Structure formats: structure tokens, C-alpha cells
């Protein structure tokens, strides 16, 4: 199984996991970042860094012009293609969303193909949903998970 197929299979294995803020345990609880962290651990090994504590509305209080999720993704993932009106994410792509144009990205998901994604959100279990027009309008950035040999030497295992 290639890398993107492993990422998608692992993301789908989390479907049904209840939403739990700051958690990252398949079948027990996770938030959107916890889902991405869990997929990383299952497919690539130890997490390269621990996330700092964050509240449910952390993006509203982030310093103006900052992009904490984008910055973290740039440290550990590989940039995907730019977001354009005709953007079609490849399976296994990690997607970042901003709910307001002036706020940083605050939600992440994993694309399972051109038209669907797996994500966790408050009040629901992890689910695979359509990457509808609403989601596409809020898409801020896309990244791909590295293959083991593409990871930074500082945290290769």
C-alpha cells in the first residue's frame, strides 16, 4: 500500500471516534488536530513535536497575521499545490481551513479523494464528508504527509 493509501485507510479507521477537545486516541476521542496526530503516529511513528495547550476558540486570540497551524504544518509536512478555484486534493492530503478571512486556519481534515474528507468537529464523531462548496470556500492550505525518507533528519527514527 502506498503512502497516501495508508494515510486514507488510517483516517477512515478513526471514523466514529467521538469528539474530545485536545484528545488523540482512536475510538476514545479526538479533535481535528488529534485526528491528524493519530494518523501521523500510525503511519510515520512518533510525533515530531507536542502541540501546545489550546482552547476551543484559540484562533480568535492568535496574534494578528499569525498562522500557527500553517507554521506547524510547514515544519513537518510537505506543501501541497496552491489553493485555486479548481483545486482537487489528492487522497491523503491534509487540508487546513479558516472560518473567517481575517483569522488563522483553525480546522484540519484529511482528503480521501477529490470530493471527500475525514474530519473531527465539535458535537459529532469523526466522519467522512463531502468537500462541499462551503468547505472549499474556507480552504486555506494543503499539505501532504512525508514518506519516511522525506522526513527531517532531526526526527527520523
N, C-alpha and C. Protein backbone atom coordinates (compact mmCIF):
# COMPACT_ATOMS: atom_id res chain seq x y z
N UNK A 1 0.86 -1.18 0.00
CA UNK A 1 0.00 0.00 0.00
C UNK A 1 0.90 1.24 0.00
N UNK A 2 0.63 2.17 -0.90
CA UNK A 2 1.47 3.37 -0.95
C UNK A 2 1.12 4.31 0.20
N UNK A 3 1.93 5.37 0.36
CA UNK A 3 1.79 6.29 1.49
C UNK A 3 0.43 6.94 1.58
N UNK A 4 -0.08 7.45 0.47
CA UNK A 4 -1.38 8.13 0.53
C UNK A 4 -2.50 7.15 0.84
N UNK A 5 -2.43 5.94 0.32
CA UNK A 5 -3.45 4.93 0.64
C UNK A 5 -3.41 4.56 2.12
N UNK A 6 -2.20 4.48 2.71
CA UNK A 6 -2.08 4.22 4.15
C UNK A 6 -2.70 5.35 4.96
N UNK A 7 -2.44 6.59 4.55
CA UNK A 7 -2.99 7.76 5.25
C UNK A 7 -4.52 7.71 5.22
N UNK A 8 -5.09 7.46 4.05
CA UNK A 8 -6.56 7.41 3.92
C UNK A 8 -7.13 6.25 4.73
N UNK A 9 -6.52 5.09 4.64
CA UNK A 9 -7.03 3.93 5.40
C UNK A 9 -7.00 4.21 6.90
N UNK A 10 -5.93 4.82 7.37
CA UNK A 10 -5.84 5.13 8.80
C UNK A 10 -6.85 6.20 9.19
N UNK A 11 -7.01 7.24 8.37
CA UNK A 11 -8.01 8.27 8.67
C UNK A 11 -9.40 7.65 8.76
N UNK A 12 -9.72 6.77 7.84
CA UNK A 12 -11.03 6.12 7.86
C UNK A 12 -11.19 5.21 9.07
N UNK A 13 -10.09 4.66 9.58
CA UNK A 13 -10.16 3.81 10.78
C UNK A 13 -10.59 4.61 12.01
N UNK A 14 -10.47 5.93 11.96
CA UNK A 14 -10.88 6.79 13.07
C UNK A 14 -12.37 7.17 13.00
N UNK A 15 -13.04 6.86 11.91
CA UNK A 15 -14.46 7.21 11.77
C UNK A 15 -15.24 6.59 12.93
N UNK A 16 -16.07 7.43 13.53
CA UNK A 16 -16.86 7.01 14.70
C UNK A 16 -16.23 7.39 16.02
N UNK A 17 -14.97 7.81 16.01
CA UNK A 17 -14.32 8.26 17.25
C UNK A 17 -15.02 9.53 17.74
N UNK A 18 -15.45 9.58 18.99
CA UNK A 18 -16.14 10.78 19.49
C UNK A 18 -15.23 12.01 19.52
N UNK A 19 -15.84 13.17 19.40
CA UNK A 19 -15.09 14.42 19.51
C UNK A 19 -14.70 14.65 20.97
N UNK A 20 -13.43 14.90 21.20
CA UNK A 20 -12.92 15.28 22.52
C UNK A 20 -11.82 16.30 22.28
N UNK A 21 -12.03 17.52 22.77
CA UNK A 21 -11.07 18.60 22.59
C UNK A 21 -9.70 18.19 23.12
N UNK A 22 -8.66 18.39 22.33
CA UNK A 22 -7.25 18.12 22.60
C UNK A 22 -6.90 16.64 22.72
N UNK A 23 -7.83 15.75 22.49
CA UNK A 23 -7.55 14.31 22.59
C UNK A 23 -7.05 13.77 21.26
N UNK A 24 -6.42 12.59 21.31
CA UNK A 24 -5.91 11.95 20.10
C UNK A 24 -5.79 10.44 20.32
N UNK A 25 -6.92 9.80 20.58
CA UNK A 25 -6.92 8.36 20.83
C UNK A 25 -8.06 7.72 20.04
N UNK A 26 -7.68 6.94 19.04
CA UNK A 26 -8.66 6.31 18.15
C UNK A 26 -9.68 5.51 18.95
N UNK A 27 -10.96 5.72 18.65
CA UNK A 27 -12.04 5.01 19.31
C UNK A 27 -12.45 5.60 20.64
N UNK A 28 -11.61 6.46 21.21
CA UNK A 28 -11.90 7.06 22.51
C UNK A 28 -12.27 8.53 22.37
N UNK A 29 -11.45 9.29 21.65
CA UNK A 29 -11.76 10.70 21.46
C UNK A 29 -10.65 11.44 20.76
N UNK A 30 -11.02 12.44 19.97
CA UNK A 30 -10.06 13.31 19.30
C UNK A 30 -10.75 14.57 18.83
N UNK A 31 -9.93 15.59 18.58
CA UNK A 31 -10.40 16.76 17.84
C UNK A 31 -9.74 16.70 16.47
N UNK A 32 -9.88 17.73 15.67
CA UNK A 32 -9.35 17.65 14.30
C UNK A 32 -7.83 17.50 14.29
N UNK A 33 -7.15 18.23 15.16
CA UNK A 33 -5.70 18.09 15.23
C UNK A 33 -5.32 16.72 15.78
N UNK A 34 -6.08 16.23 16.76
CA UNK A 34 -5.82 14.90 17.30
C UNK A 34 -5.95 13.82 16.26
N UNK A 35 -6.88 13.97 15.33
CA UNK A 35 -7.03 13.02 14.23
C UNK A 35 -5.76 13.01 13.38
N UNK A 36 -5.29 14.17 12.99
CA UNK A 36 -4.08 14.27 12.16
C UNK A 36 -2.89 13.70 12.93
N UNK A 37 -2.78 14.01 14.21
CA UNK A 37 -1.68 13.49 15.03
C UNK A 37 -1.74 11.96 15.10
N UNK A 38 -2.95 11.41 15.28
CA UNK A 38 -3.10 9.96 15.35
C UNK A 38 -2.74 9.28 14.05
N UNK A 39 -3.14 9.87 12.94
CA UNK A 39 -2.79 9.31 11.62
C UNK A 39 -1.27 9.36 11.45
N UNK A 40 -0.65 10.46 11.86
CA UNK A 40 0.82 10.56 11.79
C UNK A 40 1.46 9.42 12.57
N UNK A 41 1.04 9.22 13.82
CA UNK A 41 1.65 8.18 14.66
C UNK A 41 1.51 6.80 14.04
N UNK A 42 0.33 6.51 13.50
CA UNK A 42 0.08 5.19 12.92
C UNK A 42 0.88 4.96 11.64
N UNK A 43 1.09 6.01 10.87
CA UNK A 43 1.73 5.84 9.57
C UNK A 43 3.21 6.22 9.54
N UNK A 44 3.63 7.12 10.44
CA UNK A 44 5.00 7.61 10.39
C UNK A 44 5.79 7.43 11.68
N UNK A 45 5.13 7.09 12.78
CA UNK A 45 5.84 6.91 14.04
C UNK A 45 5.62 8.07 14.99
N UNK A 46 6.56 8.27 15.87
CA UNK A 46 6.44 9.30 16.92
C UNK A 46 6.14 10.68 16.33
N UNK A 47 5.35 11.43 17.06
CA UNK A 47 5.06 12.79 16.63
C UNK A 47 6.32 13.65 16.74
N UNK A 48 6.55 14.54 15.77
CA UNK A 48 7.76 15.35 15.80
C UNK A 48 7.76 16.44 16.86
N UNK A 49 6.59 16.84 17.33
CA UNK A 49 6.50 17.83 18.41
C UNK A 49 5.14 17.71 19.07
N UNK A 50 5.09 18.08 20.34
CA UNK A 50 3.81 18.08 21.06
C UNK A 50 3.13 19.42 20.81
N UNK A 51 1.83 19.40 20.57
CA UNK A 51 1.14 20.68 20.38
C UNK A 51 1.05 21.41 21.72
N UNK A 52 1.07 22.73 21.68
CA UNK A 52 0.89 23.47 22.92
C UNK A 52 -0.58 23.38 23.35
N UNK A 53 -0.88 23.66 24.61
CA UNK A 53 -2.29 23.69 25.01
C UNK A 53 -3.04 24.73 24.17
N UNK A 54 -4.28 24.42 23.83
CA UNK A 54 -5.07 25.36 23.04
C UNK A 54 -6.53 25.24 23.45
N UNK A 55 -7.22 26.34 23.41
CA UNK A 55 -8.63 26.37 23.74
C UNK A 55 -9.46 26.21 22.49
N UNK A 56 -10.76 25.95 22.66
CA UNK A 56 -11.63 25.79 21.50
C UNK A 56 -11.67 27.01 20.59
N UNK A 57 -11.45 28.19 21.14
CA UNK A 57 -11.51 29.41 20.32
C UNK A 57 -10.14 30.07 20.20
N UNK A 58 -9.08 29.25 20.20
CA UNK A 58 -7.72 29.79 20.18
C UNK A 58 -7.47 30.70 18.98
N UNK A 59 -8.06 30.42 17.84
CA UNK A 59 -7.77 31.21 16.63
C UNK A 59 -8.22 32.65 16.78
N UNK A 60 -9.28 32.88 17.55
CA UNK A 60 -9.77 34.23 17.73
C UNK A 60 -8.79 35.08 18.54
N UNK A 61 -7.93 34.44 19.33
CA UNK A 61 -6.98 35.19 20.15
C UNK A 61 -5.54 35.07 19.64
N UNK A 62 -5.33 34.43 18.52
CA UNK A 62 -3.99 34.32 17.94
C UNK A 62 -3.50 35.70 17.53
N UNK A 63 -2.21 35.96 17.62
CA UNK A 63 -1.70 37.27 17.20
C UNK A 63 -2.06 37.56 15.74
N UNK A 64 -2.39 38.79 15.48
CA UNK A 64 -2.77 39.20 14.12
C UNK A 64 -1.69 38.81 13.13
N UNK A 65 -2.10 38.25 12.02
CA UNK A 65 -1.18 37.86 10.97
C UNK A 65 -0.48 36.53 11.20
N UNK A 66 -0.71 35.90 12.34
CA UNK A 66 -0.05 34.61 12.61
C UNK A 66 -0.87 33.46 12.04
N UNK A 67 -0.21 32.36 11.76
CA UNK A 67 -0.84 31.15 11.23
C UNK A 67 -0.23 29.93 11.94
N UNK A 68 -0.57 29.71 13.21
CA UNK A 68 0.06 28.62 13.96
C UNK A 68 -0.07 27.24 13.32
N UNK A 69 -1.24 26.88 12.80
CA UNK A 69 -1.39 25.57 12.17
C UNK A 69 -0.59 25.48 10.86
N UNK A 70 -0.61 26.52 10.08
CA UNK A 70 0.17 26.53 8.84
C UNK A 70 1.66 26.43 9.16
N UNK A 71 2.11 27.19 10.16
CA UNK A 71 3.52 27.16 10.54
C UNK A 71 3.93 25.76 10.99
N UNK A 72 3.10 25.10 11.81
CA UNK A 72 3.41 23.74 12.27
C UNK A 72 3.43 22.77 11.08
N UNK A 73 2.47 22.92 10.19
CA UNK A 73 2.43 22.04 9.01
C UNK A 73 3.69 22.24 8.17
N UNK A 74 4.15 23.46 8.02
CA UNK A 74 5.36 23.72 7.24
C UNK A 74 6.60 23.11 7.88
N UNK A 75 6.58 22.94 9.20
CA UNK A 75 7.72 22.31 9.88
C UNK A 75 7.77 20.81 9.65
N UNK A 76 6.60 20.16 9.43
CA UNK A 76 6.58 18.70 9.44
C UNK A 76 5.95 18.03 8.23
N UNK A 77 5.18 18.77 7.46
CA UNK A 77 4.55 18.21 6.27
C UNK A 77 5.15 18.87 5.04
N UNK A 78 4.78 18.38 3.90
CA UNK A 78 5.27 18.94 2.64
C UNK A 78 4.17 19.77 2.00
N UNK A 79 4.49 20.99 1.56
CA UNK A 79 3.45 21.83 0.96
C UNK A 79 2.79 21.17 -0.24
N UNK A 80 1.49 21.29 -0.30
CA UNK A 80 0.74 20.79 -1.43
C UNK A 80 0.61 21.89 -2.47
N UNK A 81 -0.17 21.63 -3.48
CA UNK A 81 -0.36 22.67 -4.51
C UNK A 81 -1.12 23.85 -3.93
N UNK A 82 -0.98 25.01 -4.55
CA UNK A 82 -1.73 26.18 -4.07
C UNK A 82 -3.24 25.95 -4.21
N UNK A 83 -3.97 26.62 -3.34
CA UNK A 83 -5.43 26.53 -3.37
C UNK A 83 -5.94 27.48 -4.47
N UNK A 84 -6.58 26.91 -5.45
CA UNK A 84 -7.16 27.66 -6.56
C UNK A 84 -8.63 27.27 -6.67
N UNK A 85 -9.41 27.99 -7.44
CA UNK A 85 -10.83 27.62 -7.57
C UNK A 85 -11.06 26.20 -8.08
N UNK A 86 -10.13 25.67 -8.85
CA UNK A 86 -10.31 24.31 -9.37
C UNK A 86 -9.46 23.28 -8.63
N UNK A 87 -9.00 23.61 -7.42
CA UNK A 87 -8.17 22.71 -6.62
C UNK A 87 -8.88 21.39 -6.36
N UNK A 88 -8.16 20.29 -6.60
CA UNK A 88 -8.68 18.95 -6.35
C UNK A 88 -7.66 18.23 -5.49
N UNK A 89 -7.93 18.07 -4.19
CA UNK A 89 -6.93 17.44 -3.32
C UNK A 89 -6.77 15.96 -3.62
N UNK A 90 -5.53 15.55 -3.65
CA UNK A 90 -5.23 14.12 -3.81
C UNK A 90 -5.56 13.41 -2.51
N UNK A 91 -5.87 12.14 -2.61
CA UNK A 91 -6.14 11.33 -1.43
C UNK A 91 -4.93 11.39 -0.50
N UNK A 92 -5.18 11.55 0.79
CA UNK A 92 -4.12 11.62 1.78
C UNK A 92 -3.62 13.01 2.06
N UNK A 93 -4.15 14.01 1.37
CA UNK A 93 -3.74 15.40 1.59
C UNK A 93 -4.34 15.93 2.88
N UNK A 94 -3.53 16.61 3.69
CA UNK A 94 -4.04 17.26 4.90
C UNK A 94 -4.48 18.66 4.51
N UNK A 95 -5.72 18.99 4.86
CA UNK A 95 -6.33 20.25 4.48
C UNK A 95 -6.48 21.15 5.70
N UNK A 96 -6.23 22.45 5.54
CA UNK A 96 -6.43 23.42 6.61
C UNK A 96 -7.50 24.42 6.18
N UNK A 97 -8.37 24.75 7.11
CA UNK A 97 -9.50 25.64 6.84
C UNK A 97 -9.49 26.82 7.80
N UNK A 98 -9.87 27.98 7.29
CA UNK A 98 -10.08 29.18 8.11
C UNK A 98 -11.54 29.57 7.97
N UNK A 99 -12.18 29.79 9.09
CA UNK A 99 -13.61 30.09 9.05
C UNK A 99 -13.91 31.57 8.84
N UNK A 100 -12.90 32.41 9.01
CA UNK A 100 -13.02 33.84 8.72
C UNK A 100 -11.74 34.26 7.99
N UNK A 101 -11.88 35.11 6.99
CA UNK A 101 -10.73 35.51 6.17
C UNK A 101 -9.63 36.17 6.99
N UNK A 102 -10.00 36.89 8.04
CA UNK A 102 -9.01 37.63 8.83
C UNK A 102 -8.44 36.81 9.99
N UNK A 103 -8.88 35.57 10.16
CA UNK A 103 -8.39 34.72 11.24
C UNK A 103 -7.51 33.60 10.68
N UNK A 104 -6.64 33.04 11.52
CA UNK A 104 -5.80 31.94 11.04
C UNK A 104 -6.62 30.67 10.82
N UNK A 105 -6.03 29.77 10.07
CA UNK A 105 -6.64 28.44 9.89
C UNK A 105 -6.81 27.81 11.27
N UNK A 106 -7.95 27.14 11.48
CA UNK A 106 -8.19 26.54 12.80
C UNK A 106 -8.82 25.16 12.72
N UNK A 107 -8.93 24.61 11.53
CA UNK A 107 -9.53 23.30 11.39
C UNK A 107 -8.73 22.51 10.37
N UNK A 108 -8.57 21.21 10.62
CA UNK A 108 -7.85 20.37 9.68
C UNK A 108 -8.64 19.10 9.38
N UNK A 109 -8.34 18.53 8.25
CA UNK A 109 -9.01 17.32 7.77
C UNK A 109 -8.05 16.59 6.84
N UNK A 110 -8.41 15.36 6.49
CA UNK A 110 -7.60 14.58 5.57
C UNK A 110 -8.48 14.19 4.38
N UNK A 111 -8.03 14.60 3.19
CA UNK A 111 -8.78 14.28 1.97
C UNK A 111 -8.71 12.79 1.70
N UNK A 112 -9.84 12.23 1.28
CA UNK A 112 -9.88 10.82 0.92
C UNK A 112 -10.00 10.63 -0.58
N UNK A 113 -10.07 11.70 -1.30
CA UNK A 113 -10.19 11.73 -2.74
C UNK A 113 -10.57 13.13 -3.13
N UNK A 114 -10.86 13.36 -4.38
CA UNK A 114 -11.15 14.71 -4.84
C UNK A 114 -12.36 15.34 -4.16
N UNK A 115 -13.32 14.55 -3.76
CA UNK A 115 -14.55 15.15 -3.27
C UNK A 115 -14.93 14.85 -1.84
N UNK A 116 -14.06 14.22 -1.06
CA UNK A 116 -14.41 13.87 0.32
C UNK A 116 -13.23 14.07 1.25
N UNK A 117 -13.55 14.13 2.55
CA UNK A 117 -12.52 14.27 3.58
C UNK A 117 -13.00 13.63 4.86
N UNK A 118 -12.05 13.25 5.71
CA UNK A 118 -12.33 12.76 7.06
C UNK A 118 -11.93 13.87 8.01
N UNK A 119 -12.83 14.19 8.96
CA UNK A 119 -12.51 15.22 9.94
C UNK A 119 -13.27 15.00 11.22
N UNK A 120 -12.83 15.69 12.26
CA UNK A 120 -13.49 15.67 13.57
C UNK A 120 -13.97 17.08 13.86
N UNK A 121 -15.20 17.20 14.34
CA UNK A 121 -15.66 18.53 14.75
C UNK A 121 -16.57 18.41 15.96
N UNK A 122 -16.60 19.49 16.70
CA UNK A 122 -17.34 19.55 17.96
C UNK A 122 -18.79 19.08 17.77
N UNK A 123 -19.23 18.22 18.67
CA UNK A 123 -20.61 17.78 18.66
C UNK A 123 -20.88 16.57 17.78
N UNK A 124 -19.85 15.98 17.19
CA UNK A 124 -20.06 14.84 16.30
C UNK A 124 -18.86 13.89 16.39
N UNK A 125 -19.04 12.71 15.88
CA UNK A 125 -17.94 11.76 15.78
C UNK A 125 -17.15 12.04 14.51
N UNK A 126 -15.93 11.52 14.45
CA UNK A 126 -15.14 11.61 13.22
C UNK A 126 -15.97 11.02 12.09
N UNK A 127 -15.99 11.74 10.97
CA UNK A 127 -16.83 11.32 9.85
C UNK A 127 -16.14 11.63 8.53
N UNK A 128 -16.56 10.90 7.50
CA UNK A 128 -16.14 11.21 6.13
C UNK A 128 -17.28 11.99 5.50
N UNK A 129 -16.97 13.17 5.00
CA UNK A 129 -18.00 14.06 4.46
C UNK A 129 -17.56 14.58 3.10
N UNK A 130 -18.52 15.13 2.38
CA UNK A 130 -18.22 15.74 1.09
C UNK A 130 -17.43 17.03 1.30
N UNK A 131 -16.47 17.25 0.44
CA UNK A 131 -15.74 18.52 0.43
C UNK A 131 -16.60 19.49 -0.39
N UNK A 132 -17.65 19.94 0.25
CA UNK A 132 -18.68 20.76 -0.41
C UNK A 132 -18.17 22.16 -0.70
N UNK A 133 -19.02 22.94 -1.36
CA UNK A 133 -18.68 24.31 -1.67
C UNK A 133 -18.33 25.14 -0.45
N UNK A 134 -19.06 24.93 0.65
CA UNK A 134 -18.77 25.68 1.88
C UNK A 134 -17.35 25.39 2.35
N UNK A 135 -16.98 24.11 2.40
CA UNK A 135 -15.62 23.75 2.83
C UNK A 135 -14.59 24.30 1.85
N UNK A 136 -14.86 24.19 0.58
CA UNK A 136 -13.90 24.69 -0.42
C UNK A 136 -13.67 26.19 -0.28
N UNK A 137 -14.73 26.95 0.04
CA UNK A 137 -14.58 28.40 0.21
C UNK A 137 -13.72 28.74 1.43
N UNK A 138 -13.63 27.86 2.40
CA UNK A 138 -12.87 28.12 3.62
C UNK A 138 -11.49 27.44 3.63
N UNK A 139 -11.15 26.77 2.55
CA UNK A 139 -9.87 26.08 2.45
C UNK A 139 -8.73 27.09 2.39
N UNK A 140 -7.77 26.95 3.28
CA UNK A 140 -6.65 27.89 3.36
C UNK A 140 -5.36 27.31 2.80
N UNK A 141 -5.08 26.02 3.06
CA UNK A 141 -3.81 25.43 2.64
C UNK A 141 -3.94 23.92 2.56
N UNK A 142 -3.03 23.31 1.82
CA UNK A 142 -2.99 21.85 1.69
C UNK A 142 -1.55 21.38 1.84
N UNK A 143 -1.40 20.23 2.47
CA UNK A 143 -0.08 19.65 2.71
C UNK A 143 -0.17 18.15 2.50
N UNK A 144 0.97 17.54 2.23
CA UNK A 144 0.99 16.09 2.16
C UNK A 144 1.91 15.54 3.23
N UNK A 145 1.57 14.37 3.70
CA UNK A 145 2.40 13.70 4.68
C UNK A 145 3.67 13.23 3.98
N UNK A 146 4.82 13.34 4.64
CA UNK A 146 6.05 12.86 4.01
C UNK A 146 6.14 11.35 4.04
N UNK A 147 6.84 10.81 3.09
CA UNK A 147 7.24 9.41 3.18
C UNK A 147 8.34 9.35 4.23
N UNK A 148 8.58 8.21 4.86
CA UNK A 148 9.60 8.16 5.91
C UNK A 148 10.96 8.72 5.51
N UNK A 149 11.38 8.53 4.26
CA UNK A 149 12.69 9.04 3.85
C UNK A 149 12.69 10.53 3.52
N UNK A 150 11.52 11.18 3.53
CA UNK A 150 11.43 12.61 3.27
C UNK A 150 11.41 13.44 4.56
N UNK A 151 11.33 12.77 5.71
CA UNK A 151 11.25 13.48 6.97
C UNK A 151 12.58 14.13 7.32
N UNK A 152 12.52 15.15 8.12
CA UNK A 152 13.70 15.87 8.58
C UNK A 152 14.63 14.92 9.34
N UNK A 153 15.94 15.00 9.12
CA UNK A 153 16.88 14.12 9.85
C UNK A 153 16.78 14.29 11.36
N UNK A 154 16.33 15.43 11.83
CA UNK A 154 16.27 15.68 13.27
C UNK A 154 15.31 14.72 13.99
N UNK A 155 14.33 14.19 13.29
CA UNK A 155 13.39 13.29 13.99
C UNK A 155 13.14 11.99 13.26
N UNK A 156 14.04 11.62 12.36
CA UNK A 156 13.93 10.28 11.77
C UNK A 156 14.17 9.24 12.85
N UNK A 157 13.47 8.17 12.80
CA UNK A 157 13.63 7.10 13.81
C UNK A 157 14.25 5.89 13.15
